[in-house]
């Protein structure tokens, strides 16, 4: 007669684990605006002044600075946009990244300056992603961020490089049920 199931032998157990790894690259770029009042006086609403290209996460980026907003609805604001600037041979390339702009000398943090959710950048979108209403010019001109007609913006970027699953060897104890 065969032994009854569950009597005498302990139950068989199996355990394994894996980890999802989101690999990122981080960096920042400082953009100094010397002569703010001249940039405001000579740059029409909807027009921008570009930063020099810079590299974060193996990709080329630039910042678009709109001293009089990026359109008529935001003409009372300063606008900033982050743009992917790759070679034309990479036209199908998409890059996922999150970013934020802040004043480099900023002591207090404003809630609107938190990281933007992860956005997909591509070369077909020459506008990029950013803040259409970064700060109202009237408020900015009264702030401590404008000194001697200049200010510096910091753009922090987190580029999502790869998301992969790895098998892990360490198995953490889990309560059996």
N, C-alpha and C. Protein backbone atom coordinates (compact mmCIF):
# COMPACT_ATOMS: atom_id res chain seq x y z
N UNK A 1 0.83 -1.17 0.00
CA UNK A 1 0.00 0.00 0.00
C UNK A 1 0.88 1.23 0.00
N UNK A 2 0.55 2.16 -0.83
CA UNK A 2 1.37 3.37 -0.91
C UNK A 2 1.02 4.32 0.21
N UNK A 3 2.04 5.08 0.67
CA UNK A 3 1.76 6.02 1.76
C UNK A 3 0.81 7.11 1.29
N UNK A 4 0.00 7.60 2.18
CA UNK A 4 -0.96 8.68 1.86
C UNK A 4 -0.20 9.95 1.54
N UNK A 5 -0.76 10.72 0.62
CA UNK A 5 -0.13 11.99 0.22
C UNK A 5 -0.09 12.91 1.44
N UNK A 6 1.07 13.53 1.64
CA UNK A 6 1.20 14.49 2.74
C UNK A 6 1.59 13.84 4.05
N UNK A 7 1.71 12.53 4.09
CA UNK A 7 2.09 11.85 5.33
C UNK A 7 3.51 11.35 5.19
N UNK A 8 4.32 11.68 6.11
CA UNK A 8 5.65 11.11 6.15
C UNK A 8 6.72 11.93 5.45
N UNK A 9 6.51 12.40 4.23
CA UNK A 9 7.52 13.15 3.49
C UNK A 9 7.22 14.65 3.55
N UNK A 10 8.25 15.49 3.81
CA UNK A 10 8.01 16.93 3.79
C UNK A 10 7.71 17.39 2.37
N UNK A 11 6.93 18.46 2.22
CA UNK A 11 6.60 18.94 0.87
C UNK A 11 7.85 19.45 0.15
N UNK A 12 7.86 19.31 -1.13
CA UNK A 12 8.97 19.79 -1.96
C UNK A 12 8.85 21.31 -2.14
N UNK A 13 9.95 22.03 -2.06
CA UNK A 13 9.93 23.48 -2.25
C UNK A 13 10.91 23.89 -3.32
N UNK A 14 10.55 24.94 -4.01
CA UNK A 14 11.41 25.52 -5.04
C UNK A 14 11.45 27.03 -4.83
N UNK A 15 12.59 27.64 -5.03
CA UNK A 15 12.70 29.09 -4.87
C UNK A 15 13.65 29.65 -5.91
N UNK A 16 13.33 30.82 -6.39
CA UNK A 16 14.20 31.53 -7.33
C UNK A 16 13.92 33.01 -7.20
N UNK A 17 14.78 33.83 -7.80
CA UNK A 17 14.54 35.28 -7.74
C UNK A 17 15.15 35.95 -8.95
N UNK A 18 14.63 37.10 -9.26
CA UNK A 18 15.17 37.92 -10.35
C UNK A 18 15.02 39.38 -9.96
N UNK A 19 15.74 40.24 -10.66
CA UNK A 19 15.73 41.67 -10.39
C UNK A 19 15.52 42.43 -11.68
N UNK A 20 14.64 43.41 -11.65
CA UNK A 20 14.51 44.32 -12.79
C UNK A 20 15.39 45.52 -12.52
N UNK A 21 16.32 45.78 -13.42
CA UNK A 21 17.30 46.85 -13.24
C UNK A 21 17.02 47.94 -14.26
N UNK A 22 16.80 49.15 -13.78
CA UNK A 22 16.65 50.32 -14.65
C UNK A 22 17.97 51.09 -14.59
N UNK A 23 18.75 50.96 -15.62
CA UNK A 23 20.06 51.62 -15.68
C UNK A 23 19.89 53.04 -16.20
N UNK A 24 20.46 53.99 -15.48
CA UNK A 24 20.34 55.39 -15.86
C UNK A 24 21.70 56.05 -15.91
N UNK A 25 21.74 57.20 -16.56
CA UNK A 25 22.92 58.07 -16.56
C UNK A 25 22.42 59.46 -16.19
N UNK A 26 23.15 60.14 -15.35
CA UNK A 26 22.72 61.46 -14.90
C UNK A 26 23.79 62.50 -15.19
N UNK A 27 23.36 63.73 -15.28
CA UNK A 27 24.27 64.84 -15.47
C UNK A 27 23.50 66.14 -15.44
N UNK A 28 24.23 67.24 -15.57
CA UNK A 28 23.56 68.54 -15.61
C UNK A 28 24.35 69.50 -16.49
N UNK A 29 23.68 70.55 -16.88
CA UNK A 29 24.29 71.62 -17.69
C UNK A 29 23.92 72.95 -17.06
N UNK A 30 24.90 73.84 -16.97
CA UNK A 30 24.67 75.19 -16.48
C UNK A 30 24.61 76.15 -17.67
N UNK A 31 23.56 76.94 -17.73
CA UNK A 31 23.40 77.94 -18.79
C UNK A 31 23.34 79.30 -18.12
N UNK A 32 24.37 80.13 -18.37
CA UNK A 32 24.42 81.46 -17.79
C UNK A 32 23.89 82.46 -18.81
N UNK A 33 23.00 83.32 -18.36
CA UNK A 33 22.43 84.38 -19.19
C UNK A 33 23.05 85.69 -18.71
N UNK A 34 23.97 86.24 -19.48
CA UNK A 34 24.55 87.56 -19.18
C UNK A 34 23.79 88.58 -20.00
N UNK A 35 23.37 89.67 -19.38
CA UNK A 35 22.62 90.69 -20.11
C UNK A 35 21.16 90.30 -20.31
N UNK A 36 20.53 89.86 -19.24
CA UNK A 36 19.13 89.43 -19.31
C UNK A 36 18.25 90.49 -19.96
N UNK A 37 18.41 91.77 -19.56
CA UNK A 37 17.53 92.82 -20.08
C UNK A 37 17.67 92.97 -21.60
N UNK A 38 18.86 92.74 -22.13
CA UNK A 38 19.03 92.80 -23.59
C UNK A 38 18.40 91.60 -24.28
N UNK A 39 18.49 90.43 -23.67
CA UNK A 39 17.85 89.26 -24.29
C UNK A 39 16.35 89.45 -24.32
N UNK A 40 15.82 90.05 -23.26
CA UNK A 40 14.37 90.29 -23.19
C UNK A 40 13.95 91.35 -24.22
N UNK A 41 14.75 92.40 -24.39
CA UNK A 41 14.39 93.50 -25.29
C UNK A 41 14.54 93.14 -26.77
N UNK A 42 15.44 92.21 -27.11
CA UNK A 42 15.73 91.95 -28.52
C UNK A 42 15.20 90.61 -29.05
N UNK A 43 14.62 89.80 -28.18
CA UNK A 43 14.12 88.49 -28.61
C UNK A 43 12.60 88.50 -28.57
N UNK A 44 11.95 88.42 -29.74
CA UNK A 44 10.48 88.46 -29.77
C UNK A 44 9.84 87.24 -29.10
N UNK A 45 8.62 87.39 -28.66
CA UNK A 45 7.85 86.28 -28.12
C UNK A 45 7.83 85.15 -29.15
N UNK A 46 8.05 83.93 -28.68
CA UNK A 46 8.08 82.77 -29.57
C UNK A 46 9.45 82.48 -30.15
N UNK A 47 10.41 83.36 -29.94
CA UNK A 47 11.78 83.13 -30.41
C UNK A 47 12.65 82.72 -29.23
N UNK A 48 13.67 81.94 -29.53
CA UNK A 48 14.52 81.42 -28.46
C UNK A 48 15.99 81.69 -28.74
N UNK A 49 16.77 81.58 -27.69
CA UNK A 49 18.22 81.62 -27.77
C UNK A 49 18.72 80.25 -27.30
N UNK A 50 19.57 79.57 -28.09
CA UNK A 50 19.99 78.21 -27.73
C UNK A 50 21.26 78.21 -26.89
N UNK A 51 21.38 77.17 -26.05
CA UNK A 51 22.64 76.93 -25.36
C UNK A 51 23.60 76.26 -26.33
N UNK A 52 24.83 76.10 -25.92
CA UNK A 52 25.75 75.23 -26.66
C UNK A 52 25.31 73.80 -26.45
N UNK A 53 25.54 72.92 -27.42
CA UNK A 53 25.20 71.51 -27.22
C UNK A 53 26.07 70.91 -26.09
N UNK A 54 25.50 69.95 -25.37
CA UNK A 54 26.23 69.27 -24.30
C UNK A 54 25.79 67.81 -24.29
N UNK A 55 26.55 66.97 -23.61
CA UNK A 55 26.29 65.53 -23.61
C UNK A 55 25.95 65.04 -22.21
N UNK A 56 24.86 64.28 -22.11
CA UNK A 56 24.48 63.57 -20.90
C UNK A 56 23.96 62.20 -21.33
N UNK A 57 24.45 61.15 -20.71
CA UNK A 57 23.97 59.80 -21.02
C UNK A 57 24.30 59.35 -22.43
N UNK A 58 25.37 59.88 -23.00
CA UNK A 58 25.77 59.50 -24.35
C UNK A 58 24.96 60.17 -25.44
N UNK A 59 24.15 61.16 -25.11
CA UNK A 59 23.33 61.86 -26.09
C UNK A 59 23.61 63.35 -26.03
N UNK A 60 23.47 64.00 -27.19
CA UNK A 60 23.66 65.45 -27.27
C UNK A 60 22.34 66.16 -27.03
N UNK A 61 22.40 67.21 -26.22
CA UNK A 61 21.23 68.00 -25.83
C UNK A 61 21.53 69.47 -26.00
N UNK A 62 20.48 70.27 -26.01
CA UNK A 62 20.64 71.72 -25.91
C UNK A 62 19.42 72.26 -25.15
N UNK A 63 19.55 73.49 -24.70
CA UNK A 63 18.47 74.17 -23.99
C UNK A 63 18.01 75.34 -24.84
N UNK A 64 16.70 75.49 -24.96
CA UNK A 64 16.13 76.66 -25.62
C UNK A 64 15.61 77.61 -24.55
N UNK A 65 16.11 78.85 -24.58
CA UNK A 65 15.72 79.89 -23.63
C UNK A 65 14.84 80.90 -24.36
N UNK A 66 13.60 81.05 -23.90
CA UNK A 66 12.64 81.99 -24.46
C UNK A 66 12.45 83.11 -23.43
N UNK A 67 13.14 84.25 -23.58
CA UNK A 67 13.02 85.31 -22.57
C UNK A 67 11.63 85.94 -22.51
N UNK A 68 10.84 85.82 -23.58
CA UNK A 68 9.49 86.39 -23.63
C UNK A 68 8.43 85.32 -23.88
N UNK A 69 8.65 84.13 -23.36
CA UNK A 69 7.69 83.04 -23.53
C UNK A 69 7.76 82.41 -24.90
N UNK A 70 7.23 81.20 -24.99
CA UNK A 70 7.30 80.49 -26.28
C UNK A 70 6.11 80.77 -27.19
N UNK A 71 5.07 81.47 -26.68
CA UNK A 71 3.96 81.88 -27.54
C UNK A 71 3.24 83.06 -26.88
N UNK A 72 2.20 83.59 -27.53
CA UNK A 72 1.52 84.78 -27.02
C UNK A 72 0.84 84.54 -25.68
N UNK A 73 0.36 83.31 -25.43
CA UNK A 73 -0.28 83.02 -24.15
C UNK A 73 0.70 83.05 -22.98
N UNK A 74 1.97 82.81 -23.26
CA UNK A 74 2.98 82.79 -22.19
C UNK A 74 3.98 83.94 -22.32
N UNK A 75 3.57 85.01 -22.95
CA UNK A 75 4.48 86.14 -23.21
C UNK A 75 4.97 86.82 -21.94
N UNK A 76 4.29 86.65 -20.82
CA UNK A 76 4.71 87.25 -19.55
C UNK A 76 5.66 86.34 -18.76
N UNK A 77 6.03 85.23 -19.34
CA UNK A 77 6.86 84.24 -18.65
C UNK A 77 8.19 84.05 -19.37
N UNK A 78 9.14 83.47 -18.65
CA UNK A 78 10.37 82.95 -19.24
C UNK A 78 10.11 81.46 -19.43
N UNK A 79 10.46 80.92 -20.60
CA UNK A 79 10.26 79.51 -20.90
C UNK A 79 11.61 78.85 -21.16
N UNK A 80 11.72 77.58 -20.77
CA UNK A 80 12.92 76.78 -21.04
C UNK A 80 12.49 75.42 -21.55
N UNK A 81 13.23 74.91 -22.56
CA UNK A 81 12.95 73.60 -23.12
C UNK A 81 14.26 72.83 -23.29
N UNK A 82 14.20 71.54 -23.06
CA UNK A 82 15.32 70.63 -23.30
C UNK A 82 15.07 69.94 -24.63
N UNK A 83 16.09 69.93 -25.50
CA UNK A 83 15.95 69.39 -26.85
C UNK A 83 17.04 68.35 -27.11
N UNK A 84 16.67 67.22 -27.69
CA UNK A 84 17.63 66.21 -28.13
C UNK A 84 18.27 66.69 -29.42
N UNK A 85 19.60 66.73 -29.45
CA UNK A 85 20.36 67.22 -30.61
C UNK A 85 21.32 66.14 -31.07
N UNK A 86 20.86 65.19 -31.86
CA UNK A 86 21.72 64.11 -32.35
C UNK A 86 22.04 64.33 -33.82
N UNK A 87 22.94 63.52 -34.33
CA UNK A 87 23.27 63.57 -35.75
C UNK A 87 22.05 63.15 -36.57
N UNK A 88 21.93 63.68 -37.77
CA UNK A 88 20.78 63.34 -38.63
C UNK A 88 20.75 61.86 -39.00
N UNK A 89 21.87 61.17 -38.88
CA UNK A 89 21.90 59.74 -39.18
C UNK A 89 21.13 58.95 -38.12
N UNK A 90 20.83 59.56 -37.00
CA UNK A 90 20.08 58.91 -35.92
C UNK A 90 18.62 59.34 -35.90
N UNK A 91 18.03 59.64 -37.04
CA UNK A 91 16.67 60.21 -37.10
C UNK A 91 15.63 59.37 -36.38
N UNK A 92 15.73 58.05 -36.38
CA UNK A 92 14.73 57.21 -35.72
C UNK A 92 14.97 57.04 -34.23
N UNK A 93 16.03 57.60 -33.73
CA UNK A 93 16.40 57.43 -32.33
C UNK A 93 15.39 58.07 -31.39
N UNK A 94 15.02 57.35 -30.34
CA UNK A 94 14.22 57.93 -29.26
C UNK A 94 14.99 57.72 -27.96
N UNK A 95 14.88 58.69 -27.08
CA UNK A 95 15.57 58.65 -25.80
C UNK A 95 14.55 58.98 -24.71
N UNK A 96 14.53 58.17 -23.66
CA UNK A 96 13.66 58.46 -22.53
C UNK A 96 14.48 59.12 -21.43
N UNK A 97 13.96 60.22 -20.92
CA UNK A 97 14.67 60.96 -19.89
C UNK A 97 13.70 61.76 -19.06
N UNK A 98 14.13 62.07 -17.84
CA UNK A 98 13.40 63.04 -17.03
C UNK A 98 14.39 64.16 -16.72
N UNK A 99 13.85 65.35 -16.44
CA UNK A 99 14.71 66.51 -16.28
C UNK A 99 14.02 67.54 -15.41
N UNK A 100 14.82 68.51 -14.98
CA UNK A 100 14.26 69.67 -14.29
C UNK A 100 15.19 70.85 -14.51
N UNK A 101 14.59 72.02 -14.51
CA UNK A 101 15.34 73.27 -14.57
C UNK A 101 15.22 73.95 -13.22
N UNK A 102 16.29 74.60 -12.78
CA UNK A 102 16.25 75.37 -11.55
C UNK A 102 17.29 76.48 -11.64
N UNK A 103 17.15 77.48 -10.81
CA UNK A 103 18.16 78.52 -10.74
C UNK A 103 19.37 77.93 -10.02
N UNK A 104 20.56 78.15 -10.56
CA UNK A 104 21.76 77.54 -9.99
C UNK A 104 22.06 78.08 -8.60
N UNK A 105 21.68 79.31 -8.31
CA UNK A 105 21.95 79.90 -7.00
C UNK A 105 20.73 79.86 -6.10
N UNK A 106 19.75 79.07 -6.48
CA UNK A 106 18.47 79.04 -5.76
C UNK A 106 18.63 78.42 -4.38
N UNK A 107 18.20 79.14 -3.35
CA UNK A 107 18.26 78.64 -1.99
C UNK A 107 16.98 77.88 -1.66
N UNK A 108 15.84 78.46 -1.99
CA UNK A 108 14.57 77.80 -1.73
C UNK A 108 14.10 77.09 -3.01
N UNK A 109 13.52 75.92 -2.84
CA UNK A 109 13.02 75.16 -3.98
C UNK A 109 11.55 75.48 -4.19
N UNK A 110 11.18 75.66 -5.44
CA UNK A 110 9.78 75.89 -5.78
C UNK A 110 9.17 74.56 -6.21
N UNK A 111 7.90 74.31 -5.84
CA UNK A 111 7.28 73.04 -6.19
C UNK A 111 7.26 72.77 -7.69
N UNK A 112 7.19 73.80 -8.53
CA UNK A 112 7.10 73.60 -9.97
C UNK A 112 8.43 73.13 -10.56
N UNK A 113 9.48 73.10 -9.77
CA UNK A 113 10.78 72.74 -10.30
C UNK A 113 11.17 71.30 -10.01
N UNK A 114 10.20 70.44 -9.71
CA UNK A 114 10.48 69.02 -9.52
C UNK A 114 10.76 68.40 -10.89
N UNK A 115 11.35 67.19 -10.86
CA UNK A 115 11.59 66.50 -12.12
C UNK A 115 10.29 66.32 -12.88
N UNK A 116 10.36 66.53 -14.18
CA UNK A 116 9.25 66.22 -15.05
C UNK A 116 9.16 64.70 -15.15
N UNK A 117 7.96 64.15 -15.38
CA UNK A 117 7.87 62.69 -15.59
C UNK A 117 8.73 62.30 -16.79
N UNK A 118 9.04 61.02 -16.88
CA UNK A 118 9.88 60.56 -17.99
C UNK A 118 9.20 60.90 -19.31
N UNK A 119 9.95 61.54 -20.19
CA UNK A 119 9.46 61.94 -21.51
C UNK A 119 10.28 61.21 -22.57
N UNK A 120 9.67 61.02 -23.73
CA UNK A 120 10.38 60.44 -24.86
C UNK A 120 10.80 61.55 -25.79
N UNK A 121 12.10 61.65 -26.03
CA UNK A 121 12.67 62.65 -26.92
C UNK A 121 13.02 61.98 -28.23
N UNK A 122 12.80 62.69 -29.33
CA UNK A 122 13.23 62.20 -30.63
C UNK A 122 13.64 63.39 -31.48
N UNK A 123 14.30 63.10 -32.60
CA UNK A 123 14.82 64.17 -33.45
C UNK A 123 13.74 64.87 -34.26
N UNK A 124 12.62 64.20 -34.48
CA UNK A 124 11.54 64.82 -35.24
C UNK A 124 10.87 65.94 -34.44
N UNK A 125 10.96 65.87 -33.11
CA UNK A 125 10.35 66.87 -32.24
C UNK A 125 11.39 67.92 -31.89
N UNK A 126 11.50 68.94 -32.71
CA UNK A 126 12.54 69.96 -32.50
C UNK A 126 12.22 70.90 -31.35
N UNK A 127 10.99 70.86 -30.84
CA UNK A 127 10.61 71.72 -29.71
C UNK A 127 11.16 71.19 -28.40
N UNK A 128 11.23 69.88 -28.26
CA UNK A 128 11.67 69.28 -27.01
C UNK A 128 10.56 69.32 -25.98
N UNK A 129 10.96 69.19 -24.72
CA UNK A 129 10.04 69.21 -23.59
C UNK A 129 10.53 70.27 -22.62
N UNK A 130 9.60 70.91 -21.92
CA UNK A 130 10.06 71.91 -20.97
C UNK A 130 8.97 72.58 -20.18
N UNK A 131 9.29 73.80 -19.77
CA UNK A 131 8.42 74.61 -18.92
C UNK A 131 8.01 75.86 -19.70
N UNK A 132 6.77 75.91 -20.15
CA UNK A 132 6.29 77.11 -20.86
C UNK A 132 6.14 78.27 -19.90
N UNK A 133 5.81 77.99 -18.66
CA UNK A 133 5.66 79.04 -17.64
C UNK A 133 6.66 78.78 -16.52
N UNK A 134 7.95 78.82 -16.86
CA UNK A 134 8.97 78.55 -15.86
C UNK A 134 8.87 79.54 -14.70
N UNK A 135 8.85 80.83 -15.02
CA UNK A 135 8.67 81.86 -14.00
C UNK A 135 8.13 83.11 -14.68
N UNK A 136 7.24 83.80 -13.99
CA UNK A 136 6.71 85.05 -14.50
C UNK A 136 7.82 86.10 -14.47
N UNK A 137 8.01 86.80 -15.56
CA UNK A 137 9.11 87.77 -15.65
C UNK A 137 9.04 88.82 -14.54
N UNK A 138 7.84 89.32 -14.21
CA UNK A 138 7.69 90.34 -13.17
C UNK A 138 8.22 89.81 -11.84
N UNK A 139 7.87 88.58 -11.49
CA UNK A 139 8.35 87.97 -10.25
C UNK A 139 9.85 87.72 -10.29
N UNK A 140 10.33 87.24 -11.43
CA UNK A 140 11.76 86.96 -11.59
C UNK A 140 12.59 88.23 -11.41
N UNK A 141 12.14 89.33 -12.00
CA UNK A 141 12.91 90.57 -11.96
C UNK A 141 12.98 91.17 -10.55
N UNK A 142 12.08 90.75 -9.67
CA UNK A 142 12.11 91.20 -8.27
C UNK A 142 12.88 90.22 -7.38
N UNK A 143 13.27 89.07 -7.92
CA UNK A 143 13.87 88.01 -7.10
C UNK A 143 15.37 88.19 -6.94
N UNK A 144 15.92 87.40 -6.02
CA UNK A 144 17.37 87.37 -5.81
C UNK A 144 18.08 86.55 -6.88
N UNK A 145 17.33 85.84 -7.72
CA UNK A 145 17.95 85.02 -8.75
C UNK A 145 18.55 85.86 -9.88
N UNK A 146 18.05 87.08 -10.06
CA UNK A 146 18.60 87.99 -11.06
C UNK A 146 19.60 88.90 -10.36
N UNK A 147 20.86 88.77 -10.72
CA UNK A 147 21.93 89.55 -10.10
C UNK A 147 22.79 90.18 -11.18
N UNK A 148 22.96 91.49 -11.08
CA UNK A 148 23.79 92.23 -12.06
C UNK A 148 23.36 91.91 -13.50
N UNK A 149 22.05 91.84 -13.71
CA UNK A 149 21.46 91.59 -15.03
C UNK A 149 21.87 90.23 -15.61
N UNK A 150 22.15 89.28 -14.73
CA UNK A 150 22.46 87.93 -15.21
C UNK A 150 21.93 86.89 -14.22
N UNK A 151 21.81 85.67 -14.72
CA UNK A 151 21.39 84.54 -13.90
C UNK A 151 21.88 83.26 -14.54
N UNK A 152 21.88 82.18 -13.77
CA UNK A 152 22.32 80.88 -14.27
C UNK A 152 21.23 79.85 -14.01
N UNK A 153 20.93 79.10 -15.05
CA UNK A 153 19.95 78.01 -14.98
C UNK A 153 20.71 76.69 -14.98
N UNK A 154 20.24 75.79 -14.15
CA UNK A 154 20.80 74.43 -14.10
C UNK A 154 19.75 73.48 -14.64
N UNK A 155 20.15 72.63 -15.57
CA UNK A 155 19.26 71.60 -16.10
C UNK A 155 19.82 70.24 -15.70
N UNK A 156 19.11 69.55 -14.81
CA UNK A 156 19.47 68.20 -14.39
C UNK A 156 18.73 67.20 -15.26
N UNK A 157 19.45 66.18 -15.72
CA UNK A 157 18.86 65.19 -16.64
C UNK A 157 19.17 63.78 -16.13
N UNK A 158 18.16 62.91 -16.18
CA UNK A 158 18.33 61.49 -15.90
C UNK A 158 17.89 60.76 -17.17
N UNK A 159 18.83 60.11 -17.83
CA UNK A 159 18.56 59.37 -19.07
C UNK A 159 18.38 57.90 -18.73
N UNK A 160 17.28 57.32 -19.19
CA UNK A 160 17.04 55.88 -19.02
C UNK A 160 17.83 55.18 -20.12
N UNK A 161 18.83 54.42 -19.70
CA UNK A 161 19.71 53.76 -20.68
C UNK A 161 19.18 52.40 -21.07
N UNK A 162 18.81 51.60 -20.08
CA UNK A 162 18.36 50.23 -20.37
C UNK A 162 17.55 49.74 -19.19
N UNK A 163 16.51 48.99 -19.49
CA UNK A 163 15.75 48.30 -18.45
C UNK A 163 15.82 46.82 -18.80
N UNK A 164 16.36 46.05 -17.86
CA UNK A 164 16.57 44.63 -18.14
C UNK A 164 16.24 43.81 -16.90
N UNK A 165 16.04 42.52 -17.11
CA UNK A 165 15.80 41.59 -16.02
C UNK A 165 17.04 40.71 -15.87
N UNK A 166 17.47 40.57 -14.61
CA UNK A 166 18.63 39.74 -14.32
C UNK A 166 18.23 38.65 -13.33
N UNK A 167 18.78 37.47 -13.52
CA UNK A 167 18.58 36.41 -12.55
C UNK A 167 19.48 36.70 -11.36
N UNK A 168 18.94 36.56 -10.17
CA UNK A 168 19.75 36.80 -8.98
C UNK A 168 19.94 35.49 -8.23
N UNK A 169 21.07 35.38 -7.55
CA UNK A 169 21.38 34.14 -6.86
C UNK A 169 20.95 34.17 -5.40
N UNK A 170 20.92 35.34 -4.81
CA UNK A 170 20.52 35.44 -3.40
C UNK A 170 19.01 35.32 -3.29
N UNK A 171 18.57 34.40 -2.49
CA UNK A 171 17.14 34.21 -2.30
C UNK A 171 16.83 34.65 -0.87
N UNK A 172 16.02 35.66 -0.77
CA UNK A 172 15.63 36.17 0.53
C UNK A 172 14.58 35.25 1.14
N UNK A 173 14.64 35.04 2.46
CA UNK A 173 13.61 34.20 3.08
C UNK A 173 12.24 34.84 2.99
N UNK A 174 11.29 34.04 2.59
CA UNK A 174 9.91 34.50 2.48
C UNK A 174 9.06 33.59 3.34
N UNK A 175 8.16 34.18 4.08
CA UNK A 175 7.28 33.38 4.92
C UNK A 175 6.53 32.39 4.05
N UNK A 176 6.50 31.15 4.46
CA UNK A 176 5.74 30.18 3.68
C UNK A 176 4.26 30.33 4.03
N UNK A 177 3.43 29.98 3.10
CA UNK A 177 2.00 30.13 3.34
C UNK A 177 1.32 28.79 3.39
